Protein backbone atom coordinates (compact mmCIF):
# COMPACT_ATOMS: atom_id res chain seq x y z
CA MET A 1 67.37 166.15 140.79
CA SER A 2 66.34 163.77 138.00
CA PRO A 3 67.99 163.79 134.56
CA ILE A 4 64.65 164.76 133.01
CA ALA A 5 64.32 167.78 135.31
CA ILE A 6 67.91 168.82 134.57
CA THR A 7 67.25 168.52 130.82
CA MET A 8 64.08 170.58 131.09
CA ILE A 9 65.88 173.30 133.04
CA ALA A 10 68.81 173.28 130.60
CA PHE A 11 66.70 173.67 127.47
CA GLY A 12 64.35 176.12 129.18
CA MET A 13 67.31 178.35 129.95
CA SER A 14 68.55 178.16 126.35
CA ILE A 15 65.42 179.18 124.44
CA ASP A 16 66.19 182.89 124.75
CA ALA A 17 69.73 182.27 123.47
CA PHE A 18 68.19 180.47 120.49
CA LEU A 19 65.94 183.45 119.71
CA ALA A 20 68.79 185.95 120.03
CA SER A 21 71.11 183.90 117.83
CA LEU A 22 68.32 183.36 115.29
CA GLY A 23 68.04 187.12 114.86
CA ARG A 24 71.81 187.45 114.82
CA GLY A 25 72.15 184.81 112.11
CA ALA A 26 69.42 186.43 110.02
CA GLY A 27 71.11 189.81 110.32
CA LEU A 28 74.41 188.48 109.05
CA HIS A 29 72.65 186.96 106.00
CA ARG A 30 75.36 184.30 105.46
CA PRO A 31 77.11 183.50 108.74
CA ARG A 32 79.78 180.84 108.55
CA VAL A 33 79.55 177.65 110.58
CA SER A 34 82.56 178.91 112.56
CA ASP A 35 80.58 182.07 113.45
CA ALA A 36 77.68 179.92 114.63
CA MET A 37 80.01 177.74 116.72
CA ARG A 38 81.67 180.81 118.24
CA THR A 39 78.27 182.29 119.08
CA GLY A 40 77.17 179.00 120.64
CA LEU A 41 80.38 178.77 122.64
CA VAL A 42 80.08 182.32 123.99
CA PHE A 43 76.40 181.87 124.87
CA GLY A 44 77.07 178.47 126.48
CA LEU A 45 80.00 179.68 128.57
CA VAL A 46 78.20 182.83 129.71
CA GLU A 47 75.03 180.89 130.59
CA THR A 48 77.09 178.36 132.59
CA ALA A 49 79.05 181.05 134.41
CA ILE A 50 75.97 183.10 135.26
CA ALA A 51 74.07 180.04 136.53
CA LEU A 52 77.03 179.22 138.80
CA ALA A 53 77.30 182.87 139.87
CA GLY A 54 73.61 182.86 140.72
CA TRP A 55 74.03 179.71 142.77
CA CYS A 56 76.98 181.23 144.63
CA ALA A 57 75.10 184.46 145.18
CA GLY A 58 72.09 182.50 146.36
CA VAL A 59 74.21 180.66 148.87
CA VAL A 60 75.67 183.92 150.18
CA ALA A 61 73.01 186.58 149.79
CA SER A 62 69.84 185.54 147.97
CA PRO A 63 67.66 188.42 149.22
CA TYR A 64 69.97 191.02 147.64
CA VAL A 65 70.38 189.35 144.23
CA GLY A 66 66.67 188.74 143.81
CA THR A 67 65.90 192.43 144.14
CA VAL A 68 67.81 193.54 141.03
CA ASP A 69 68.19 190.61 138.61
CA HIS A 70 64.96 191.39 136.75
CA TRP A 71 65.96 195.04 136.23
CA ILE A 72 69.33 193.98 134.81
CA ALA A 73 67.65 191.52 132.43
CA PHE A 74 65.04 194.09 131.39
CA GLY A 75 67.67 196.76 130.70
CA LEU A 76 70.13 194.56 128.82
CA LEU A 77 67.51 192.75 126.75
CA GLY A 78 65.74 196.03 125.98
CA LEU A 79 68.95 197.69 124.83
CA VAL A 80 70.12 194.75 122.75
CA GLY A 81 66.65 194.21 121.25
CA GLY A 82 66.24 197.92 120.50
CA ARG A 83 69.65 197.99 118.88
CA MET A 84 68.73 195.01 116.70
CA ILE A 85 65.54 196.74 115.56
CA TYR A 86 67.31 200.03 114.94
CA HIS A 87 69.98 198.42 112.78
CA ALA A 88 67.42 196.30 110.93
CA VAL A 89 65.46 199.34 109.73
CA ARG A 90 68.47 201.58 109.14
CA PRO A 91 70.03 201.11 105.69
CA ALA A 92 73.58 199.87 105.96
CA SER A 93 76.21 198.44 103.68
CA PRO A 94 76.97 194.70 103.93
CA TRP A 95 80.32 195.54 105.54
CA THR A 96 78.62 197.60 108.28
CA ALA A 97 76.06 194.85 108.93
CA ALA A 98 78.73 192.17 109.25
CA ARG A 99 80.83 194.40 111.49
CA ARG A 100 78.01 195.31 113.92
CA HIS A 101 76.81 191.72 114.32
CA GLY A 102 80.33 190.35 114.48
CA SER A 103 81.32 192.62 117.34
CA ALA A 104 82.54 190.67 120.34
CA LEU A 105 81.06 193.28 122.69
CA VAL A 106 77.59 192.93 121.15
CA LEU A 107 77.88 189.14 121.29
CA VAL A 108 78.85 189.13 124.98
CA ALA A 109 76.20 191.75 125.89
CA THR A 110 73.54 189.66 124.16
CA ALA A 111 74.75 186.51 125.90
CA VAL A 112 74.67 188.23 129.29
CA GLY A 113 71.26 189.73 128.61
CA THR A 114 69.75 186.38 127.71
CA SER A 115 71.43 184.64 130.65
CA ILE A 116 70.01 186.68 133.51
CA ASP A 117 67.25 184.11 133.96
CA ALA A 118 69.99 181.56 134.65
CA LEU A 119 71.08 183.81 137.52
CA ALA A 120 67.61 183.53 139.03
CA VAL A 121 67.60 179.77 138.52
CA GLY A 122 71.00 179.50 140.18
CA VAL A 123 69.78 181.54 143.14
CA SER A 124 66.70 179.37 143.51
CA LEU A 125 68.71 176.14 143.25
CA ALA A 126 70.92 177.32 146.09
CA ILE A 127 68.26 176.32 148.60
CA LEU A 128 68.03 172.78 147.19
CA ASP A 129 70.47 169.94 147.68
CA VAL A 130 71.60 169.62 144.04
CA ASN A 131 74.85 169.10 142.18
CA MET A 132 75.08 172.57 140.65
CA LEU A 133 78.13 171.71 138.54
CA VAL A 134 76.15 169.06 136.66
CA ILE A 135 73.18 171.39 136.20
CA ALA A 136 75.37 174.30 135.06
CA ALA A 137 77.20 172.04 132.59
CA ALA A 138 73.86 170.84 131.20
CA ILE A 139 72.66 174.44 130.86
CA GLY A 140 75.87 175.41 129.04
CA ALA A 141 75.72 172.42 126.68
CA ALA A 142 72.05 172.98 125.83
CA THR A 143 72.70 176.68 125.26
CA PHE A 144 75.65 175.90 122.98
CA VAL A 145 73.46 173.62 120.87
CA MET A 146 70.51 176.00 120.78
CA ALA A 147 72.55 179.15 120.02
CA THR A 148 74.58 177.41 117.31
CA GLY A 149 71.40 176.02 115.80
CA GLY A 150 69.74 179.43 116.01
CA MET A 151 72.57 181.06 114.08
CA LEU A 152 72.41 178.40 111.38
CA ALA A 153 68.61 178.62 111.18
CA GLY A 154 68.94 182.41 110.99
CA ARG A 155 71.24 181.91 108.04
CA LEU A 156 68.43 180.16 106.16
CA ILE A 157 65.80 182.66 107.27
CA GLY A 158 68.08 185.60 106.48
CA ARG A 159 68.16 184.80 102.79
CA GLN A 160 64.39 185.13 102.53
CA PHE A 161 63.41 187.50 105.31
CA GLY A 162 66.55 189.46 106.23
CA SER A 163 65.62 192.51 108.27
CA TRP A 164 62.18 191.17 109.24
CA ALA A 165 63.74 188.25 111.09
CA GLU A 166 66.14 190.63 112.82
CA ILE A 167 63.25 192.89 113.86
CA ALA A 168 61.36 189.85 115.16
CA GLY A 169 64.45 188.79 117.12
CA GLY A 170 64.78 192.28 118.61
CA VAL A 171 61.11 192.40 119.55
CA GLY A 172 61.43 188.91 121.03
CA LEU A 173 64.33 190.02 123.24
CA MET A 174 62.42 193.09 124.38
CA VAL A 175 59.32 191.01 125.17
CA LEU A 176 61.50 188.55 127.06
CA GLY A 177 62.93 191.41 129.12
CA LEU A 178 59.44 192.74 129.81
CA SER A 179 58.20 189.29 130.83
CA ILE A 180 61.11 188.83 133.25
CA LEU A 181 60.39 192.26 134.73
CA ALA A 182 56.65 191.61 134.97
CA ASP A 183 57.21 188.17 136.46
CA HIS A 184 59.34 189.66 139.25
CA THR A 185 57.39 192.85 139.89
CA VAL A 186 53.74 192.23 139.01
CA PHE A 187 53.19 188.51 139.46
């Protein structure tokens, strides 16, 4: 696989992480650079691991994985997106907002929800003769950059738009989940 194709796959897999972290950064209103780096690291590691897991699953049992990956993505992204919207419209103190967005469980659930497409890519790459370690590392690095950048961009947006950016991020995650579901069931 060419370096250009690997780069396109890597950044394509990281766009959803960018959107999720953009909403996360906006919801925190003033996330620190260390928070952005931690978010990027978690998203990057999860995306890498899930792409490798998809590749392994594709090697072993691709027909079984392909039947449920879209439902998992739809459910996780719908729940995380709905939760973002709910908390954006519900009045909360700054302490509560920082606590809910800073939760490690929410961070990991969001990372997993946005990484399900990497599972499908890993499964599909299992039938090709590719160096999956290089591709997975590229996906993880691109996701780290995009998620970290999304958090920092959300910081800027959060000052002006606050809850609206968080609602848009939640809607974006839900639409992403719907598109994954529709792509696997309708199209």
